[in-house]
Amino acid sequence: MGDTGTVYDLRGLKCPLPVLKTRRRMKDMRVGDDLLIETSDPLAGIDIPHFCREEGHTVLSSEKTEHGHRFLIRKGTVA
């Protein structure tokens, strides 16, 4: 399991940048590694889980924050 102590801060970015940057970051990760991201884009609550389903990743947790969303994602195998 990867280090979840570091937050990948995507706040201030608008669709589609949070998904694009998450995809790029996850490319360099190993299967089973975790990534904690924070976003402020209202559409991220839909887009990030959809991206994960399409790419074979798992959303371990998703929470609404005062200024957006926080997701903990585990890299899966890409189909």
PDB file of N, CA and C in Angstrom:
ATOM      1  N   MET A   1       0.857  -1.178   0.000  1.00  0.00           N
ATOM      2  CA  MET A   1       0.000   0.000   0.000  1.00  0.00           C
ATOM      3  C   MET A   1       0.895   1.230   0.000  1.00  0.00           C
ATOM      4  N   GLY A   2       0.548   2.221  -0.798  1.00  0.00           N
ATOM      5  CA  GLY A   2       1.357   3.416  -0.934  1.00  0.00           C
ATOM      6  C   GLY A   2       1.189   4.383   0.217  1.00  0.00           C
ATOM      7  N   ASP A   3       1.986   5.417   0.196  1.00  0.00           N
ATOM      8  CA  ASP A   3       1.964   6.451   1.221  1.00  0.00           C
ATOM      9  C   ASP A   3       0.767   7.353   0.994  1.00  0.00           C
ATOM     10  N   THR A   4      -0.118   7.449   1.988  1.00  0.00           N
ATOM     11  CA  THR A   4      -1.281   8.327   1.855  1.00  0.00           C
ATOM     12  C   THR A   4      -1.098   9.603   2.667  1.00  0.00           C
ATOM     13  N   GLY A   5       0.110   9.844   3.179  1.00  0.00           N
ATOM     14  CA  GLY A   5       0.363  11.033   3.978  1.00  0.00           C
ATOM     15  C   GLY A   5       0.433  12.295   3.143  1.00  0.00           C
ATOM     16  N   THR A   6       0.734  12.163   1.862  1.00  0.00           N
ATOM     17  CA  THR A   6       0.855  13.306   0.981  1.00  0.00           C
ATOM     18  C   THR A   6      -0.439  13.490   0.211  1.00  0.00           C
ATOM     19  N   VAL A   7      -0.913  14.718   0.191  1.00  0.00           N
ATOM     20  CA  VAL A   7      -2.135  15.037  -0.537  1.00  0.00           C
ATOM     21  C   VAL A   7      -1.750  15.610  -1.900  1.00  0.00           C
ATOM     22  N   TYR A   8      -2.331  15.051  -2.946  1.00  0.00           N
ATOM     23  CA  TYR A   8      -2.158  15.596  -4.289  1.00  0.00           C
ATOM     24  C   TYR A   8      -3.204  16.693  -4.431  1.00  0.00           C
ATOM     25  N   ASP A   9      -2.760  17.932  -4.354  1.00  0.00           N
ATOM     26  CA  ASP A   9      -3.653  19.091  -4.303  1.00  0.00           C
ATOM     27  C   ASP A   9      -4.049  19.532  -5.705  1.00  0.00           C
ATOM     28  N   LEU A  10      -5.299  19.287  -6.056  1.00  0.00           N
ATOM     29  CA  LEU A  10      -5.828  19.692  -7.355  1.00  0.00           C
ATOM     30  C   LEU A  10      -6.871  20.795  -7.212  1.00  0.00           C
ATOM     31  N   ARG A  11      -6.882  21.438  -6.043  1.00  0.00           N
ATOM     32  CA  ARG A  11      -7.839  22.524  -5.815  1.00  0.00           C
ATOM     33  C   ARG A  11      -7.524  23.690  -6.742  1.00  0.00           C
ATOM     34  N   GLY A  12      -8.578  24.315  -7.221  1.00  0.00           N
ATOM     35  CA  GLY A  12      -8.424  25.456  -8.123  1.00  0.00           C
ATOM     36  C   GLY A  12      -8.461  25.060  -9.595  1.00  0.00           C
ATOM     37  N   LEU A  13      -8.371  23.761  -9.876  1.00  0.00           N
ATOM     38  CA  LEU A  13      -8.417  23.297 -11.263  1.00  0.00           C
ATOM     39  C   LEU A  13      -9.844  22.942 -11.647  1.00  0.00           C
ATOM     40  N   LYS A  14     -10.206  23.258 -12.862  1.00  0.00           N
ATOM     41  CA  LYS A  14     -11.548  22.970 -13.367  1.00  0.00           C
ATOM     42  C   LYS A  14     -11.495  21.806 -14.343  1.00  0.00           C
ATOM     43  N   CYS A  15     -12.646  21.167 -14.504  1.00  0.00           N
ATOM     44  CA  CYS A  15     -12.830  20.045 -15.416  1.00  0.00           C
ATOM     45  C   CYS A  15     -12.283  20.409 -16.799  1.00  0.00           C
ATOM     46  N   PRO A  16     -11.506  19.545 -17.395  1.00  0.00           N
ATOM     47  CA  PRO A  16     -11.186  18.156 -17.078  1.00  0.00           C
ATOM     48  C   PRO A  16      -9.838  17.971 -16.371  1.00  0.00           C
ATOM     49  N   LEU A  17      -9.207  19.062 -15.928  1.00  0.00           N
ATOM     50  CA  LEU A  17      -7.846  18.970 -15.386  1.00  0.00           C
ATOM     51  C   LEU A  17      -7.692  18.044 -14.183  1.00  0.00           C
ATOM     52  N   PRO A  18      -8.611  18.012 -13.210  1.00  0.00           N
ATOM     53  CA  PRO A  18      -8.405  17.086 -12.097  1.00  0.00           C
ATOM     54  C   PRO A  18      -8.283  15.618 -12.545  1.00  0.00           C
ATOM     55  N   VAL A  19      -9.106  15.203 -13.489  1.00  0.00           N
ATOM     56  CA  VAL A  19      -9.027  13.828 -13.981  1.00  0.00           C
ATOM     57  C   VAL A  19      -7.748  13.621 -14.788  1.00  0.00           C
ATOM     58  N   LEU A  20      -7.416  14.562 -15.647  1.00  0.00           N
ATOM     59  CA  LEU A  20      -6.212  14.411 -16.465  1.00  0.00           C
ATOM     60  C   LEU A  20      -4.952  14.333 -15.611  1.00  0.00           C
ATOM     61  N   LYS A  21      -4.860  15.179 -14.600  1.00  0.00           N
ATOM     62  CA  LYS A  21      -3.682  15.163 -13.725  1.00  0.00           C
ATOM     63  C   LYS A  21      -3.646  13.910 -12.847  1.00  0.00           C
ATOM     64  N   THR A  22      -4.823  13.450 -12.411  1.00  0.00           N
ATOM     65  CA  THR A  22      -4.886  12.207 -11.634  1.00  0.00           C
ATOM     66  C   THR A  22      -4.427  11.040 -12.496  1.00  0.00           C
ATOM     67  N   ARG A  23      -4.886  10.979 -13.722  1.00  0.00           N
ATOM     68  CA  ARG A  23      -4.486   9.903 -14.643  1.00  0.00           C
ATOM     69  C   ARG A  23      -2.968   9.911 -14.844  1.00  0.00           C
ATOM     70  N   ARG A  24      -2.407  11.083 -15.078  1.00  0.00           N
ATOM     71  CA  ARG A  24      -0.959  11.193 -15.308  1.00  0.00           C
ATOM     72  C   ARG A  24      -0.184  10.747 -14.066  1.00  0.00           C
ATOM     73  N   ARG A  25      -0.632  11.176 -12.900  1.00  0.00           N
ATOM     74  CA  ARG A  25       0.052  10.822 -11.651  1.00  0.00           C
ATOM     75  C   ARG A  25      -0.016   9.314 -11.403  1.00  0.00           C
ATOM     76  N   MET A  26      -1.158   8.714 -11.680  1.00  0.00           N
ATOM     77  CA  MET A  26      -1.343   7.290 -11.410  1.00  0.00           C
ATOM     78  C   MET A  26      -0.562   6.407 -12.382  1.00  0.00           C
ATOM     79  N   LYS A  27      -0.228   6.925 -13.546  1.00  0.00           N
ATOM     80  CA  LYS A  27       0.563   6.158 -14.516  1.00  0.00           C
ATOM     81  C   LYS A  27       1.904   5.733 -13.923  1.00  0.00           C
ATOM     82  N   ASP A  28       2.482   6.587 -13.086  1.00  0.00           N
ATOM     83  CA  ASP A  28       3.802   6.325 -12.507  1.00  0.00           C
ATOM     84  C   ASP A  28       3.736   5.529 -11.208  1.00  0.00           C
ATOM     85  N   MET A  29       2.533   5.151 -10.792  1.00  0.00           N
ATOM     86  CA  MET A  29       2.363   4.416  -9.543  1.00  0.00           C
ATOM     87  C   MET A  29       2.284   2.921  -9.819  1.00  0.00           C
ATOM     88  N   ARG A  30       2.535   2.124  -8.787  1.00  0.00           N
ATOM     89  CA  ARG A  30       2.419   0.668  -8.902  1.00  0.00           C
ATOM     90  C   ARG A  30       1.009   0.238  -8.524  1.00  0.00           C
ATOM     91  N   VAL A  31       0.584  -0.885  -9.074  1.00  0.00           N
ATOM     92  CA  VAL A  31      -0.714  -1.456  -8.719  1.00  0.00           C
ATOM     93  C   VAL A  31      -0.738  -1.664  -7.205  1.00  0.00           C
ATOM     94  N   GLY A  32      -1.823  -1.225  -6.575  1.00  0.00           N
ATOM     95  CA  GLY A  32      -1.969  -1.335  -5.127  1.00  0.00           C
ATOM     96  C   GLY A  32      -1.566  -0.084  -4.368  1.00  0.00           C
ATOM     97  N   ASP A  33      -0.880   0.856  -5.042  1.00  0.00           N
ATOM     98  CA  ASP A  33      -0.519   2.121  -4.392  1.00  0.00           C
ATOM     99  C   ASP A  33      -1.767   2.984  -4.237  1.00  0.00           C
ATOM    100  N   ASP A  34      -1.764   3.815  -3.201  1.00  0.00           N
ATOM    101  CA  ASP A  34      -2.884   4.715  -2.911  1.00  0.00           C
ATOM    102  C   ASP A  34      -2.508   6.149  -3.231  1.00  0.00           C
ATOM    103  N   LEU A  35      -3.498   6.920  -3.637  1.00  0.00           N
ATOM    104  CA  LEU A  35      -3.325   8.338  -3.911  1.00  0.00           C
ATOM    105  C   LEU A  35      -4.468   9.094  -3.243  1.00  0.00           C
ATOM    106  N   LEU A  36      -4.118  10.088  -2.434  1.00  0.00           N
ATOM    107  CA  LEU A  36      -5.092  10.954  -1.776  1.00  0.00           C
ATOM    108  C   LEU A  36      -5.117  12.274  -2.532  1.00  0.00           C
ATOM    109  N   ILE A  37      -6.289  12.621  -3.071  1.00  0.00           N
ATOM    110  CA  ILE A  37      -6.387  13.873  -3.825  1.00  0.00           C
ATOM    111  C   ILE A  37      -7.462  14.771  -3.221  1.00  0.00           C
ATOM    112  N   GLU A  38      -7.258  16.068  -3.394  1.00  0.00           N
ATOM    113  CA  GLU A  38      -8.255  17.063  -2.998  1.00  0.00           C
ATOM    114  C   GLU A  38      -8.572  17.921  -4.208  1.00  0.00           C
ATOM    115  N   THR A  39      -9.851  18.170  -4.410  1.00  0.00           N
ATOM    116  CA  THR A  39     -10.302  18.972  -5.532  1.00  0.00           C
ATOM    117  C   THR A  39     -11.294  20.027  -5.050  1.00  0.00           C
ATOM    118  N   SER A  40     -11.438  21.060  -5.856  1.00  0.00           N
ATOM    119  CA  SER A  40     -12.461  22.067  -5.566  1.00  0.00           C
ATOM    120  C   SER A  40     -13.498  22.138  -6.682  1.00  0.00           C
ATOM    121  N   ASP A  41     -13.258  21.441  -7.768  1.00  0.00           N
ATOM    122  CA  ASP A  41     -14.190  21.428  -8.899  1.00  0.00           C
ATOM    123  C   ASP A  41     -15.446  20.649  -8.518  1.00  0.00           C
ATOM    124  N   PRO A  42     -16.621  21.260  -8.587  1.00  0.00           N
ATOM    125  CA  PRO A  42     -17.852  20.566  -8.207  1.00  0.00           C
ATOM    126  C   PRO A  42     -18.099  19.286  -9.012  1.00  0.00           C
ATOM    127  N   LEU A  43     -17.637  19.234 -10.252  1.00  0.00           N
ATOM    128  CA  LEU A  43     -17.849  18.061 -11.090  1.00  0.00           C
ATOM    129  C   LEU A  43     -16.938  16.896 -10.726  1.00  0.00           C
ATOM    130  N   ALA A  44     -15.926  17.140  -9.927  1.00  0.00           N
ATOM    131  CA  ALA A  44     -15.004  16.063  -9.540  1.00  0.00           C
ATOM    132  C   ALA A  44     -15.727  14.963  -8.779  1.00  0.00           C
ATOM    133  N   GLY A  45     -16.785  15.304  -8.072  1.00  0.00           N
ATOM    134  CA  GLY A  45     -17.550  14.311  -7.339  1.00  0.00           C
ATOM    135  C   GLY A  45     -18.161  13.258  -8.251  1.00  0.00           C
ATOM    136  N   ILE A  46     -18.331  13.594  -9.508  1.00  0.00           N
ATOM    137  CA  ILE A  46     -18.835  12.665 -10.518  1.00  0.00           C
ATOM    138  C   ILE A  46     -17.674  12.135 -11.368  1.00  0.00           C
ATOM    139  N   ASP A  47     -16.804  13.047 -11.783  1.00  0.00           N
ATOM    140  CA  ASP A  47     -15.748  12.704 -12.738  1.00  0.00           C
ATOM    141  C   ASP A  47     -14.696  11.744 -12.186  1.00  0.00           C
ATOM    142  N   ILE A  48     -14.244  11.948 -10.961  1.00  0.00           N
ATOM    143  CA  ILE A  48     -13.177  11.101 -10.400  1.00  0.00           C
ATOM    144  C   ILE A  48     -13.669   9.661 -10.212  1.00  0.00           C
ATOM    145  N   PRO A  49     -14.834   9.428  -9.591  1.00  0.00           N
ATOM    146  CA  PRO A  49     -15.312   8.043  -9.497  1.00  0.00           C
ATOM    147  C   PRO A  49     -15.529   7.392 -10.873  1.00  0.00           C
ATOM    148  N   HIS A  50     -16.028   8.161 -11.828  1.00  0.00           N
ATOM    149  CA  HIS A  50     -16.234   7.626 -13.182  1.00  0.00           C
ATOM    150  C   HIS A  50     -14.892   7.236 -13.805  1.00  0.00           C
ATOM    151  N   PHE A  51     -13.896   8.104 -13.684  1.00  0.00           N
ATOM    152  CA  PHE A  51     -12.549   7.808 -14.178  1.00  0.00           C
ATOM    153  C   PHE A  51     -12.034   6.517 -13.556  1.00  0.00           C
ATOM    154  N   CYS A  52     -12.201   6.360 -12.251  1.00  0.00           N
ATOM    155  CA  CYS A  52     -11.715   5.168 -11.559  1.00  0.00           C
ATOM    156  C   CYS A  52     -12.401   3.906 -12.070  1.00  0.00           C
ATOM    157  N   ARG A  53     -13.697   3.959 -12.258  1.00  0.00           N
ATOM    158  CA  ARG A  53     -14.425   2.792 -12.788  1.00  0.00           C
ATOM    159  C   ARG A  53     -13.920   2.434 -14.180  1.00  0.00           C
ATOM    160  N   GLU A  54     -13.733   3.434 -15.013  1.00  0.00           N
ATOM    161  CA  GLU A  54     -13.286   3.197 -16.392  1.00  0.00           C
ATOM    162  C   GLU A  54     -11.865   2.638 -16.452  1.00  0.00           C
ATOM    163  N   GLU A  55     -11.003   3.066 -15.529  1.00  0.00           N
ATOM    164  CA  GLU A  55      -9.592   2.687 -15.567  1.00  0.00           C
ATOM    165  C   GLU A  55      -9.260   1.495 -14.679  1.00  0.00           C
ATOM    166  N   GLY A  56     -10.224   1.009 -13.897  1.00  0.00           N
ATOM    167  CA  GLY A  56      -9.982  -0.151 -13.056  1.00  0.00           C
ATOM    168  C   GLY A  56      -9.379   0.161 -11.701  1.00  0.00           C
ATOM    169  N   HIS A  57      -9.486   1.411 -11.261  1.00  0.00           N
ATOM    170  CA  HIS A  57      -8.997   1.811  -9.944  1.00  0.00           C
ATOM    171  C   HIS A  57     -10.156   1.739  -8.938  1.00  0.00           C
ATOM    172  N   THR A  58      -9.822   1.775  -7.650  1.00  0.00           N
ATOM    173  CA  THR A  58     -10.828   1.688  -6.600  1.00  0.00           C
ATOM    174  C   THR A  58     -10.858   2.975  -5.794  1.00  0.00           C
ATOM    175  N   VAL A  59     -12.037   3.547  -5.619  1.00  0.00           N
ATOM    176  CA  VAL A  59     -12.205   4.687  -4.723  1.00  0.00           C
ATOM    177  C   VAL A  59     -12.411   4.102  -3.325  1.00  0.00           C
ATOM    178  N   LEU A  60     -11.389   4.233  -2.485  1.00  0.00           N
ATOM    179  CA  LEU A  60     -11.459   3.699  -1.122  1.00  0.00           C
ATOM    180  C   LEU A  60     -12.310   4.574  -0.230  1.00  0.00           C
ATOM    181  N   SER A  61     -12.235   5.888  -0.456  1.00  0.00           N
ATOM    182  CA  SER A  61     -13.088   6.808   0.289  1.00  0.00           C
ATOM    183  C   SER A  61     -13.309   8.065  -0.536  1.00  0.00           C
ATOM    184  N   SER A  62     -14.456   8.659  -0.304  1.00  0.00           N
ATOM    185  CA  SER A  62     -14.834   9.888  -0.992  1.00  0.00           C
ATOM    186  C   SER A  62     -15.592  10.720   0.018  1.00  0.00           C
ATOM    187  N   GLU A  63     -15.148  11.953   0.196  1.00  0.00           N
ATOM    188  CA  GLU A  63     -15.875  12.805   1.133  1.00  0.00           C
ATOM    189  C   GLU A  63     -15.967  14.224   0.615  1.00  0.00           C
ATOM    190  N   LYS A  64     -17.074  14.836   0.914  1.00  0.00           N
ATOM    191  CA  LYS A  64     -17.279  16.248   0.588  1.00  0.00           C
ATOM    192  C   LYS A  64     -16.582  17.057   1.667  1.00  0.00           C
ATOM    193  N   THR A  65     -15.812  18.036   1.251  1.00  0.00           N
ATOM    194  CA  THR A  65     -15.134  18.918   2.192  1.00  0.00           C
ATOM    195  C   THR A  65     -15.765  20.304   2.108  1.00  0.00           C
ATOM    196  N   GLU A  66     -15.301  21.186   2.937  1.00  0.00           N
ATOM    197  CA  GLU A  66     -15.852  22.548   2.944  1.00  0.00           C
ATOM    198  C   GLU A  66     -15.704  23.229   1.583  1.00  0.00           C
ATOM    199  N   HIS A  67     -14.597  22.914   0.892  1.00  0.00           N
ATOM    200  CA  HIS A  67     -14.323  23.594  -0.376  1.00  0.00           C
ATOM    201  C   HIS A  67     -14.266  22.667  -1.578  1.00  0.00           C
ATOM    202  N   GLY A  68     -14.750  21.417  -1.456  1.00  0.00           N
ATOM    203  CA  GLY A  68     -14.708  20.511  -2.599  1.00  0.00           C
ATOM    204  C   GLY A  68     -14.851  19.063  -2.191  1.00  0.00           C
ATOM    205  N   HIS A  69     -13.926  18.240  -2.681  1.00  0.00           N
ATOM    206  CA  HIS A  69     -13.957  16.804  -2.424  1.00  0.00           C
ATOM    207  C   HIS A  69     -12.570  16.286  -2.084  1.00  0.00           C
ATOM    208  N   ARG A  70     -12.549  15.176  -1.353  1.00  0.00           N
ATOM    209  CA  ARG A  70     -11.310  14.461  -1.045  1.00  0.00           C
ATOM    210  C   ARG A  70     -11.550  12.998  -1.392  1.00  0.00           C
ATOM    211  N   PHE A  71     -10.613  12.424  -2.154  1.00  0.00           N
ATOM    212  CA  PHE A  71     -10.720  11.032  -2.583  1.00  0.00           C
ATOM    213  C   PHE A  71      -9.460  10.276  -2.207  1.00  0.00           C
ATOM    214  N   LEU A  72      -9.628   9.052  -1.771  1.00  0.00           N
ATOM    215  CA  LEU A  72      -8.516   8.129  -1.590  1.00  0.00           C
ATOM    216  C   LEU A  72      -8.712   7.032  -2.622  1.00  0.00           C
ATOM    217  N   ILE A  73      -7.749   6.920  -3.535  1.00  0.00           N
ATOM    218  CA  ILE A  73      -7.861   6.028  -4.682  1.00  0.00           C
ATOM    219  C   ILE A  73      -6.740   4.993  -4.619  1.00  0.00           C
ATOM    220  N   ARG A  74      -7.088   3.749  -4.903  1.00  0.00           N
ATOM    221  CA  ARG A  74      -6.083   2.687  -5.010  1.00  0.00           C
ATOM    222  C   ARG A  74      -5.938   2.306  -6.473  1.00  0.00           C
ATOM    223  N   LYS A  75      -4.680   2.309  -6.914  1.00  0.00           N
ATOM    224  CA  LYS A  75      -4.430   1.960  -8.308  1.00  0.00           C
ATOM    225  C   LYS A  75      -4.713   0.484  -8.535  1.00  0.00           C
ATOM    226  N   GLY A  76      -5.494   0.221  -9.575  1.00  0.00           N
ATOM    227  CA  GLY A  76      -5.797  -1.146  -9.970  1.00  0.00           C
ATOM    228  C   GLY A  76      -5.106  -1.459 -11.280  1.00  0.00           C
ATOM    229  N   THR A  77      -5.434  -2.594 -11.810  1.00  0.00           N
ATOM    230  CA  THR A  77      -4.874  -2.963 -13.091  1.00  0.00           C
ATOM    231  C   THR A  77      -5.672  -2.265 -14.176  1.00  0.00           C
ATOM    232  N   VAL A  78      -4.989  -1.724 -15.132  1.00  0.00           N
ATOM    233  CA  VAL A  78      -5.647  -1.010 -16.226  1.00  0.00           C
ATOM    234  C   VAL A  78      -6.003  -2.021 -17.303  1.00  0.00           C
ATOM    235  N   ALA A  79      -7.262  -2.040 -17.661  1.00  0.00           N
ATOM    236  CA  ALA A  79      -7.743  -3.011 -18.655  1.00  0.00           C
ATOM    237  C   ALA A  79      -7.238  -2.679 -20.036  1.00  0.00           C
TER     238      ALA A  79
END
